[in-house]
Amino acid sequence: MAEPTAHTEQPAGHRAFPPFQSEHFPSQLVWLTVSFILLYVLMSRVALPRIGAILAERSRLIRDDLAAAERLKEQSDAAHAAYEKALADARSRAQSIANATREKQAREAEETQKRLEAQLHERLAAAEQSIAKTRTAAMENVRTIAADTASAIVERLLGKAPAEHDVAAALGDLGKV
């Protein structure tokens, strides 16, 4: 058999670890009860009220934060609704301004067109009068030129100049042109 070593040997007079000896159980149970009651009283009077107060404070802060968040959400919704209304109003105002501007420009364009047409008609009438005057002057010159030309042709052919009343009689139909 193996001999006991320094670690396994028990000192003289001690057989086992004292807390595991049955003769010490009643005193251990008394101290366990006293320790439990002291810890219970300490926990119930000091630690648990502090923890309860901390939990109550946290709960109150969370409730207050949720209420504040709800108020801010309502304010945000109200601001968003006001923004949407302002945007719709601005769009309608812009549309009405655009329509008014479009109508004004159309009226101005129509007035400008009428004025330009009136100027054009005036110029056209003036041009027609000028053409009529030029045509009348040309026709008068045509009669004179025709008389001179006919007189020159007859003089060349016959050798003598015709009488003016004969040339005028021959050109009598030309004045009706």
C-alpha atoms as a PDB file:
ATOM      1  CA  MET A   1       0.000   0.000   0.000  1.00  0.00           C
ATOM      2  CA  ALA A   2       0.910   3.529  -0.512  1.00  0.00           C
ATOM      3  CA  GLU A   3       1.968   5.605   2.317  1.00  0.00           C
ATOM      4  CA  PRO A   4       0.204   8.832   3.150  1.00  0.00           C
ATOM      5  CA  THR A   5       1.838  11.951   1.784  1.00  0.00           C
ATOM      6  CA  ALA A   6       2.030  15.408   3.304  1.00  0.00           C
ATOM      7  CA  HIS A   7      -1.052  16.562   1.460  1.00  0.00           C
ATOM      8  CA  THR A   8      -3.275  13.676   2.390  1.00  0.00           C
ATOM      9  CA  GLU A   9      -2.343  13.374   5.965  1.00  0.00           C
ATOM     10  CA  GLN A  10      -4.603  14.751   8.624  1.00  0.00           C
ATOM     11  CA  PRO A  11      -3.100  16.592  11.524  1.00  0.00           C
ATOM     12  CA  ALA A  12      -3.382  14.908  14.855  1.00  0.00           C
ATOM     13  CA  GLY A  13      -6.819  15.194  16.450  1.00  0.00           C
ATOM     14  CA  HIS A  14      -8.695  16.521  13.444  1.00  0.00           C
ATOM     15  CA  ARG A  15     -10.610  14.078  11.392  1.00  0.00           C
ATOM     16  CA  ALA A  16     -12.677  16.235   8.888  1.00  0.00           C
ATOM     17  CA  PHE A  17     -13.323  19.806   7.736  1.00  0.00           C
ATOM     18  CA  PRO A  18     -15.241  21.471  10.590  1.00  0.00           C
ATOM     19  CA  PRO A  19     -18.193  22.872   8.603  1.00  0.00           C
ATOM     20  CA  PHE A  20     -18.946  19.372   7.440  1.00  0.00           C
ATOM     21  CA  GLN A  21     -18.962  17.947  10.924  1.00  0.00           C
ATOM     22  CA  SER A  22     -22.467  17.277  12.229  1.00  0.00           C
ATOM     23  CA  GLU A  23     -21.816  18.718  15.678  1.00  0.00           C
ATOM     24  CA  HIS A  24     -21.434  22.229  14.127  1.00  0.00           C
ATOM     25  CA  PHE A  25     -24.740  22.093  12.136  1.00  0.00           C
ATOM     26  CA  PRO A  26     -27.006  23.745  14.750  1.00  0.00           C
ATOM     27  CA  SER A  27     -24.763  26.795  15.165  1.00  0.00           C
ATOM     28  CA  GLN A  28     -24.353  27.044  11.385  1.00  0.00           C
ATOM     29  CA  LEU A  29     -28.139  26.944  10.957  1.00  0.00           C
ATOM     30  CA  VAL A  30     -28.547  29.728  13.555  1.00  0.00           C
ATOM     31  CA  TRP A  31     -25.969  31.924  11.812  1.00  0.00           C
ATOM     32  CA  LEU A  32     -27.527  31.102   8.430  1.00  0.00           C
ATOM     33  CA  THR A  33     -30.932  32.234   9.727  1.00  0.00           C
ATOM     34  CA  VAL A  34     -29.487  35.396  11.309  1.00  0.00           C
ATOM     35  CA  SER A  35     -27.556  36.222   8.121  1.00  0.00           C
ATOM     36  CA  PHE A  36     -30.626  35.577   5.969  1.00  0.00           C
ATOM     37  CA  ILE A  37     -32.849  37.781   8.140  1.00  0.00           C
ATOM     38  CA  LEU A  38     -30.228  40.581   8.170  1.00  0.00           C
ATOM     39  CA  LEU A  39     -29.773  40.389   4.386  1.00  0.00           C
ATOM     40  CA  TYR A  40     -33.578  40.283   3.931  1.00  0.00           C
ATOM     41  CA  VAL A  41     -34.056  43.348   6.124  1.00  0.00           C
ATOM     42  CA  LEU A  42     -31.156  45.152   4.462  1.00  0.00           C
ATOM     43  CA  MET A  43     -32.491  44.340   0.981  1.00  0.00           C
ATOM     44  CA  SER A  44     -36.117  45.172   1.823  1.00  0.00           C
ATOM     45  CA  ARG A  45     -35.319  48.423   3.669  1.00  0.00           C
ATOM     46  CA  VAL A  46     -32.374  49.804   1.666  1.00  0.00           C
ATOM     47  CA  ALA A  47     -31.630  48.169  -1.680  1.00  0.00           C
ATOM     48  CA  LEU A  48     -35.125  47.317  -2.941  1.00  0.00           C
ATOM     49  CA  PRO A  49     -36.583  50.815  -2.272  1.00  0.00           C
ATOM     50  CA  ARG A  50     -33.647  52.362  -4.130  1.00  0.00           C
ATOM     51  CA  ILE A  51     -34.094  49.949  -7.034  1.00  0.00           C
ATOM     52  CA  GLY A  52     -37.853  50.596  -6.968  1.00  0.00           C
ATOM     53  CA  ALA A  53     -37.248  54.347  -7.005  1.00  0.00           C
ATOM     54  CA  ILE A  54     -34.821  53.979  -9.902  1.00  0.00           C
ATOM     55  CA  LEU A  55     -37.321  51.847 -11.834  1.00  0.00           C
ATOM     56  CA  ALA A  56     -40.144  54.285 -11.067  1.00  0.00           C
ATOM     57  CA  GLU A  57     -37.971  57.217 -12.205  1.00  0.00           C
ATOM     58  CA  ARG A  58     -37.055  55.378 -15.401  1.00  0.00           C
ATOM     59  CA  SER A  59     -40.675  54.546 -16.020  1.00  0.00           C
ATOM     60  CA  ARG A  60     -41.657  58.200 -15.459  1.00  0.00           C
ATOM     61  CA  LEU A  61     -38.876  59.402 -17.798  1.00  0.00           C
ATOM     62  CA  ILE A  62     -39.942  56.930 -20.476  1.00  0.00           C
ATOM     63  CA  ARG A  63     -43.586  58.009 -20.088  1.00  0.00           C
ATOM     64  CA  ASP A  64     -42.574  61.698 -20.285  1.00  0.00           C
ATOM     65  CA  ASP A  65     -40.369  61.035 -23.312  1.00  0.00           C
ATOM     66  CA  LEU A  66     -43.187  59.177 -25.062  1.00  0.00           C
ATOM     67  CA  ALA A  67     -45.605  62.028 -24.294  1.00  0.00           C
ATOM     68  CA  ALA A  68     -43.081  64.576 -25.587  1.00  0.00           C
ATOM     69  CA  ALA A  69     -42.505  62.462 -28.691  1.00  0.00           C
ATOM     70  CA  GLU A  70     -46.266  62.305 -29.278  1.00  0.00           C
ATOM     71  CA  ARG A  71     -46.560  66.087 -28.909  1.00  0.00           C
ATOM     72  CA  LEU A  72     -43.649  66.604 -31.290  1.00  0.00           C
ATOM     73  CA  LYS A  73     -45.225  64.167 -33.763  1.00  0.00           C
ATOM     74  CA  GLU A  74     -48.504  66.100 -33.601  1.00  0.00           C
ATOM     75  CA  GLN A  75     -46.608  69.356 -34.138  1.00  0.00           C
ATOM     76  CA  SER A  76     -44.724  67.789 -37.013  1.00  0.00           C
ATOM     77  CA  ASP A  77     -47.967  66.544 -38.566  1.00  0.00           C
ATOM     78  CA  ALA A  78     -49.514  69.977 -38.151  1.00  0.00           C
ATOM     79  CA  ALA A  79     -46.459  71.623 -39.703  1.00  0.00           C
ATOM     80  CA  HIS A  80     -46.526  69.118 -42.561  1.00  0.00           C
ATOM     81  CA  ALA A  81     -50.238  69.800 -43.152  1.00  0.00           C
ATOM     82  CA  ALA A  82     -49.573  73.557 -43.094  1.00  0.00           C
ATOM     83  CA  TYR A  83     -46.690  73.061 -45.531  1.00  0.00           C
ATOM     84  CA  GLU A  84     -48.881  71.018 -47.879  1.00  0.00           C
ATOM     85  CA  LYS A  85     -51.635  73.657 -47.692  1.00  0.00           C
ATOM     86  CA  ALA A  86     -49.142  76.471 -48.326  1.00  0.00           C
ATOM     87  CA  LEU A  87     -47.696  74.503 -51.232  1.00  0.00           C
ATOM     88  CA  ALA A  88     -51.162  73.938 -52.711  1.00  0.00           C
ATOM     89  CA  ASP A  89     -52.001  77.634 -52.251  1.00  0.00           C
ATOM     90  CA  ALA A  90     -48.723  78.640 -53.888  1.00  0.00           C
ATOM     91  CA  ARG A  91     -49.404  76.309 -56.800  1.00  0.00           C
ATOM     92  CA  SER A  92     -52.899  77.715 -57.297  1.00  0.00           C
ATOM     93  CA  ARG A  93     -51.563  81.287 -57.080  1.00  0.00           C
ATOM     94  CA  ALA A  94     -48.825  80.440 -59.564  1.00  0.00           C
ATOM     95  CA  GLN A  95     -51.408  78.862 -61.879  1.00  0.00           C
ATOM     96  CA  SER A  96     -53.669  81.915 -61.665  1.00  0.00           C
ATOM     97  CA  ILE A  97     -50.703  84.254 -62.247  1.00  0.00           C
ATOM     98  CA  ALA A  98     -49.620  82.161 -65.227  1.00  0.00           C
ATOM     99  CA  ASN A  99     -53.166  82.212 -66.646  1.00  0.00           C
ATOM    100  CA  ALA A 100     -53.469  85.966 -66.123  1.00  0.00           C
ATOM    101  CA  THR A 101     -50.059  86.545 -67.728  1.00  0.00           C
ATOM    102  CA  ARG A 102     -50.951  84.253 -70.628  1.00  0.00           C
ATOM    103  CA  GLU A 103     -54.256  86.117 -71.181  1.00  0.00           C
ATOM    104  CA  LYS A 104     -52.517  89.502 -70.929  1.00  0.00           C
ATOM    105  CA  GLN A 105     -49.853  88.463 -73.433  1.00  0.00           C
ATOM    106  CA  ALA A 106     -52.537  87.099 -75.761  1.00  0.00           C
ATOM    107  CA  ARG A 107     -54.428  90.427 -75.579  1.00  0.00           C
ATOM    108  CA  GLU A 108     -51.220  92.373 -76.168  1.00  0.00           C
ATOM    109  CA  ALA A 109     -50.303  90.123 -79.098  1.00  0.00           C
ATOM    110  CA  GLU A 110     -53.798  90.558 -80.567  1.00  0.00           C
ATOM    111  CA  GLU A 111     -53.602  94.333 -80.159  1.00  0.00           C
ATOM    112  CA  THR A 112     -50.140  94.371 -81.731  1.00  0.00           C
ATOM    113  CA  GLN A 113     -51.400  92.214 -84.593  1.00  0.00           C
ATOM    114  CA  LYS A 114     -54.380  94.539 -85.185  1.00  0.00           C
ATOM    115  CA  ARG A 115     -52.106  97.584 -85.073  1.00  0.00           C
ATOM    116  CA  LEU A 116     -49.654  95.996 -87.503  1.00  0.00           C
ATOM    117  CA  GLU A 117     -52.514  94.956 -89.811  1.00  0.00           C
ATOM    118  CA  ALA A 118     -53.863  98.530 -89.738  1.00  0.00           C
ATOM    119  CA  GLN A 119     -50.390  99.875 -90.564  1.00  0.00           C
ATOM    120  CA  LEU A 120     -50.063  97.296 -93.313  1.00  0.00           C
ATOM    121  CA  HIS A 121     -53.459  98.255 -94.764  1.00  0.00           C
ATOM    122  CA  GLU A 122     -52.477 101.937 -94.637  1.00  0.00           C
ATOM    123  CA  ARG A 123     -49.202 101.205 -96.432  1.00  0.00           C
ATOM    124  CA  LEU A 124     -51.004  98.994 -98.924  1.00  0.00           C
ATOM    125  CA  ALA A 125     -53.549 101.736 -99.635  1.00  0.00           C
ATOM    126  CA  ALA A 126     -50.741 104.277-100.001  1.00  0.00           C
ATOM    127  CA  ALA A 127     -48.880 101.899-102.312  1.00  0.00           C
ATOM    128  CA  GLU A 128     -52.030 101.342-104.405  1.00  0.00           C
ATOM    129  CA  GLN A 129     -52.554 105.093-104.672  1.00  0.00           C
ATOM    130  CA  SER A 130     -48.925 105.539-105.649  1.00  0.00           C
ATOM    131  CA  ILE A 131     -49.264 102.773-108.250  1.00  0.00           C
ATOM    132  CA  ALA A 132     -52.466 104.346-109.601  1.00  0.00           C
ATOM    133  CA  LYS A 133     -50.764 107.749-109.861  1.00  0.00           C
ATOM    134  CA  THR A 134     -47.743 106.191-111.521  1.00  0.00           C
ATOM    135  CA  ARG A 135     -50.000 104.247-113.918  1.00  0.00           C
ATOM    136  CA  THR A 136     -51.972 107.407-114.775  1.00  0.00           C
ATOM    137  CA  ALA A 137     -48.759 109.335-115.319  1.00  0.00           C
ATOM    138  CA  ALA A 138     -47.368 106.460-117.377  1.00  0.00           C
ATOM    139  CA  MET A 139     -50.528 106.274-119.470  1.00  0.00           C
ATOM    140  CA  GLU A 140     -50.337 109.981-120.138  1.00  0.00           C
ATOM    141  CA  ASN A 141     -46.715 109.559-121.098  1.00  0.00           C
ATOM    142  CA  VAL A 142     -47.611 106.544-123.236  1.00  0.00           C
ATOM    143  CA  ARG A 143     -50.006 108.688-125.285  1.00  0.00           C
ATOM    144  CA  THR A 144     -47.351 111.341-125.758  1.00  0.00           C
ATOM    145  CA  ILE A 145     -44.691 108.726-126.556  1.00  0.00           C
ATOM    146  CA  ALA A 146     -47.062 106.914-128.908  1.00  0.00           C
ATOM    147  CA  ALA A 147     -47.884 110.187-130.680  1.00  0.00           C
ATOM    148  CA  ASP A 148     -44.221 111.054-130.992  1.00  0.00           C
ATOM    149  CA  THR A 149     -43.357 107.530-132.157  1.00  0.00           C
ATOM    150  CA  ALA A 150     -46.208 107.397-134.702  1.00  0.00           C
ATOM    151  CA  SER A 151     -45.277 110.802-135.975  1.00  0.00           C
ATOM    152  CA  ALA A 152     -41.623 109.743-136.341  1.00  0.00           C
ATOM    153  CA  ILE A 153     -42.550 106.504-138.133  1.00  0.00           C
ATOM    154  CA  VAL A 154     -44.907 108.254-140.598  1.00  0.00           C
ATOM    155  CA  GLU A 155     -42.320 110.943-141.222  1.00  0.00           C
ATOM    156  CA  ARG A 156     -39.727 108.389-142.041  1.00  0.00           C
ATOM    157  CA  LEU A 157     -42.021 106.381-144.243  1.00  0.00           C
ATOM    158  CA  LEU A 158     -43.618 109.284-146.069  1.00  0.00           C
ATOM    159  CA  GLY A 159     -40.872 111.793-145.744  1.00  0.00           C
ATOM    160  CA  LYS A 160     -43.092 114.456-144.220  1.00  0.00           C
ATOM    161  CA  ALA A 161     -44.451 114.904-140.705  1.00  0.00           C
ATOM    162  CA  PRO A 162     -48.185 114.197-140.292  1.00  0.00           C
ATOM    163  CA  ALA A 163     -50.509 116.784-138.832  1.00  0.00           C
ATOM    164  CA  GLU A 164     -51.059 116.621-135.114  1.00  0.00           C
ATOM    165  CA  HIS A 165     -54.817 116.251-135.392  1.00  0.00           C
ATOM    166  CA  ASP A 166     -54.332 113.216-137.686  1.00  0.00           C
ATOM    167  CA  VAL A 167     -51.977 111.611-135.137  1.00  0.00           C
ATOM    168  CA  ALA A 168     -54.446 112.432-132.307  1.00  0.00           C
ATOM    169  CA  ALA A 169     -57.310 110.921-134.326  1.00  0.00           C
ATOM    170  CA  ALA A 170     -55.271 107.777-134.991  1.00  0.00           C
ATOM    171  CA  LEU A 171     -54.411 107.491-131.262  1.00  0.00           C
ATOM    172  CA  GLY A 172     -57.952 108.270-130.064  1.00  0.00           C
ATOM    173  CA  ASP A 173     -58.609 104.654-128.926  1.00  0.00           C
ATOM    174  CA  LEU A 174     -55.358 104.565-126.952  1.00  0.00           C
ATOM    175  CA  GLY A 175     -56.643 107.052-124.338  1.00  0.00           C
ATOM    176  CA  LYS A 176     -59.259 104.505-123.196  1.00  0.00           C
ATOM    177  CA  VAL A 177     -56.691 101.954-122.070  1.00  0.00           C
END
